[in-house]
Protein backbone atom coordinates (compact mmCIF):
# COMPACT_ATOMS: atom_id res chain seq x y z
CA MET A 1 45.23 88.17 -4.51
CA ILE A 2 45.68 90.04 -1.24
CA PHE A 3 44.99 93.77 -1.36
CA TRP A 4 46.84 96.30 0.77
CA LYS A 5 46.75 100.08 1.25
CA ARG A 6 49.10 102.75 2.56
CA VAL A 7 48.34 103.83 6.15
CA LYS A 8 50.05 106.47 8.28
CA GLN A 9 50.34 105.53 11.96
CA ALA A 10 49.55 108.43 14.28
CA ILE A 11 51.76 107.03 17.05
CA ASN A 12 55.04 107.43 15.12
CA ASP A 13 54.01 109.36 11.98
CA LEU A 14 55.37 106.59 9.70
CA TRP A 15 53.68 104.87 6.76
CA TYR A 16 52.99 101.13 6.56
CA PRO A 17 51.15 98.72 4.27
CA ARG A 18 47.91 97.37 5.79
CA SER A 19 45.90 94.50 4.37
CA VAL A 20 42.44 95.31 3.04
CA THR A 21 39.39 93.07 3.10
CA ILE A 22 37.00 93.67 0.23
CA GLY A 23 33.59 92.39 -0.76
CA LYS A 24 31.14 90.59 1.43
CA PRO A 25 32.47 88.12 4.03
CA VAL A 26 32.12 84.43 3.25
CA GLU A 27 29.09 83.32 5.25
CA THR A 28 28.34 79.90 6.73
CA GLN A 29 26.16 78.84 3.79
CA GLU A 30 28.86 79.53 1.18
CA LEU A 31 31.53 77.92 3.34
CA GLY A 32 29.35 74.83 3.81
CA GLU A 33 28.69 74.55 0.07
CA ARG A 34 32.39 74.76 -0.73
CA LEU A 35 33.27 72.19 1.93
CA ALA A 36 30.59 69.88 0.56
CA ARG A 37 32.12 70.11 -2.92
CA GLU A 38 35.54 69.23 -1.44
CA SER A 39 34.21 66.20 0.44
CA THR A 40 31.50 63.53 0.32
CA VAL A 41 29.25 65.35 2.80
CA SER A 42 26.04 67.11 1.74
CA PRO A 43 25.82 70.91 1.97
CA ALA A 44 23.04 70.58 4.59
CA ASP A 45 25.14 68.26 6.78
CA THR A 46 28.20 70.48 6.44
CA HIS A 47 26.16 73.57 7.33
CA ALA A 48 24.72 71.83 10.41
CA VAL A 49 28.17 70.86 11.65
CA ILE A 50 29.58 74.36 11.13
CA ARG A 51 26.62 75.87 13.01
CA ALA A 52 27.07 73.43 15.94
CA LEU A 53 30.84 73.92 16.20
CA PRO A 54 30.94 77.16 18.28
CA LYS A 55 28.67 75.79 21.02
CA VAL A 56 30.53 72.49 21.21
CA MET A 57 33.88 74.28 21.38
CA ALA A 58 32.59 76.64 24.11
CA ASP A 59 31.33 73.66 26.12
CA PHE A 60 34.80 72.07 26.07
CA MET A 61 36.61 75.35 26.77
CA LYS A 62 34.42 76.13 29.79
CA GLU A 63 35.81 72.88 31.24
CA SER A 64 39.26 74.56 31.04
CA ARG A 65 40.21 72.49 28.00
CA ALA A 66 41.82 73.71 24.80
CA VAL A 67 40.26 72.71 21.47
CA HIS A 68 42.61 71.61 18.67
CA LEU A 69 41.31 71.54 15.10
CA GLU A 70 43.91 69.67 13.05
CA GLY A 71 45.31 71.80 10.28
CA LEU A 72 43.82 74.96 11.79
CA GLY A 73 45.06 75.47 15.34
CA TRP A 74 44.16 75.70 19.02
CA PHE A 75 41.44 77.67 20.78
CA ARG A 76 41.32 78.32 24.53
CA TYR A 77 39.88 80.80 27.00
CA THR A 78 42.09 83.42 28.64
CA ALA A 79 40.96 85.46 31.63
CA LEU A 80 41.01 89.26 31.70
CA SER A 81 41.80 91.01 34.96
CA GLY A 82 41.48 94.61 33.76
CA GLY A 83 44.47 95.93 35.69
CA ASN A 84 43.14 94.62 39.01
CA GLY A 85 46.48 93.35 40.31
CA VAL A 86 47.20 92.69 43.99
CA ALA A 87 50.39 92.89 46.03
CA THR A 88 50.68 89.30 47.26
CA LYS A 89 50.07 85.80 45.95
CA GLU A 90 47.63 85.12 48.80
CA GLU A 91 45.37 88.01 47.72
CA VAL A 92 44.82 86.60 44.20
CA SER A 93 41.24 85.43 43.64
CA SER A 94 38.72 84.83 40.88
CA ASP A 95 37.05 88.11 41.90
CA GLN A 96 39.80 89.86 39.91
CA ILE A 97 38.62 88.28 36.64
CA THR A 98 36.60 90.82 34.67
CA GLY A 99 36.03 88.92 31.42
CA LEU A 100 37.11 86.19 29.05
CA ARG A 101 38.50 86.14 25.57
CA VAL A 102 39.22 83.36 23.12
CA GLN A 103 42.89 82.87 22.29
CA PHE A 104 43.62 81.31 18.90
CA SER A 105 47.04 79.85 18.09
CA SER A 106 47.52 78.91 14.48
CA GLU A 107 48.87 75.44 13.76
CA ARG A 108 52.27 75.41 12.12
CA LYS A 109 54.19 72.85 10.14
CA ARG A 110 57.87 72.66 9.26
CA ASN A 111 58.46 73.37 5.58
CA MET A 112 61.19 72.16 3.21
CA SER A 113 63.51 75.08 4.00
CA GLY A 114 63.46 74.32 7.74
CA GLY A 115 61.14 77.21 8.59
CA TYR A 116 57.48 77.04 9.52
CA THR A 117 54.27 77.58 7.62
CA ARG A 118 51.20 78.62 9.62
CA SER A 119 47.76 77.22 8.89
CA LEU A 120 45.53 79.38 6.69
CA ILE A 121 48.61 80.79 4.94
CA ALA A 122 48.78 79.51 1.39
CA GLU A 123 52.16 77.99 0.63
CA ASP A 124 52.33 79.50 -2.85
CA GLY A 125 50.39 81.69 -5.22
CA ILE A 126 49.98 84.72 -2.93
CA VAL A 127 50.11 87.97 -4.87
CA PHE A 128 49.96 91.40 -3.21
CA MET A 129 48.28 94.29 -5.03
CA GLU A 130 47.76 97.83 -3.82
CA TRP A 131 44.09 98.69 -3.24
CA LEU A 132 43.19 101.90 -5.05
CA GLY A 133 39.47 101.81 -4.28
CA LYS A 134 37.59 104.08 -1.96
CA GLU A 135 37.44 103.44 1.80
CA SER A 136 33.73 102.64 1.49
CA ASP A 137 34.58 99.72 -0.80
CA GLU A 138 36.10 97.82 2.12
CA THR A 139 34.13 95.28 4.08
CA GLU A 140 33.34 96.40 7.60
CA LEU A 141 34.26 93.58 9.95
CA PRO A 142 33.79 93.57 13.71
CA ASP A 143 37.08 94.68 15.30
CA ASP A 144 38.37 94.13 18.81
CA THR A 145 38.19 97.47 20.56
CA GLU A 146 40.82 98.72 22.92
CA GLU A 147 39.56 99.35 26.44
CA GLU A 148 41.31 101.50 29.01
CA GLY A 149 44.45 99.78 30.23
CA GLY A 150 45.02 98.05 26.89
CA GLU A 151 42.70 95.10 27.55
CA ILE A 152 40.69 93.79 24.62
CA GLU A 153 37.22 92.61 25.58
CA ASP A 154 35.42 90.18 23.32
CA GLY A 155 34.01 87.65 25.69
CA PRO A 156 31.35 87.45 28.36
CA GLN A 157 31.65 89.72 31.35
CA VAL A 158 32.11 88.04 34.69
CA GLN A 159 29.82 89.35 37.43
């Protein structure tokens, strides 16, 4: 069941439904245990692989390669320039890069009706229910924060 709540947008004064995340996030240990039950791998081995995955992916991406996880999607670095544009092609340099972020593109597959289904979206059984709990009942997750100029910074800063 996916919970949602009513939210008024300050920018246009209109109301919209917004998804709500409740409870504690699923941590690596729980994810590893579930994956172990779904496969022939031990929980300890699954946990070790999950823990190693971010470093291995970062190593490949810092070689300017994208990482594709079948059934999930693609990950790659994108450079942030923080509004430091220049007038001519010849003036462009790596000195303009102010940070990196990870771009994720969800894998998609063609479905029976000719449309597409994105990974991580269940094909059936999704039910939406309005969340009537208090704001404090929601899980606080780290959000991308908007910087001046509309850039979102969530990667290492380039010196």
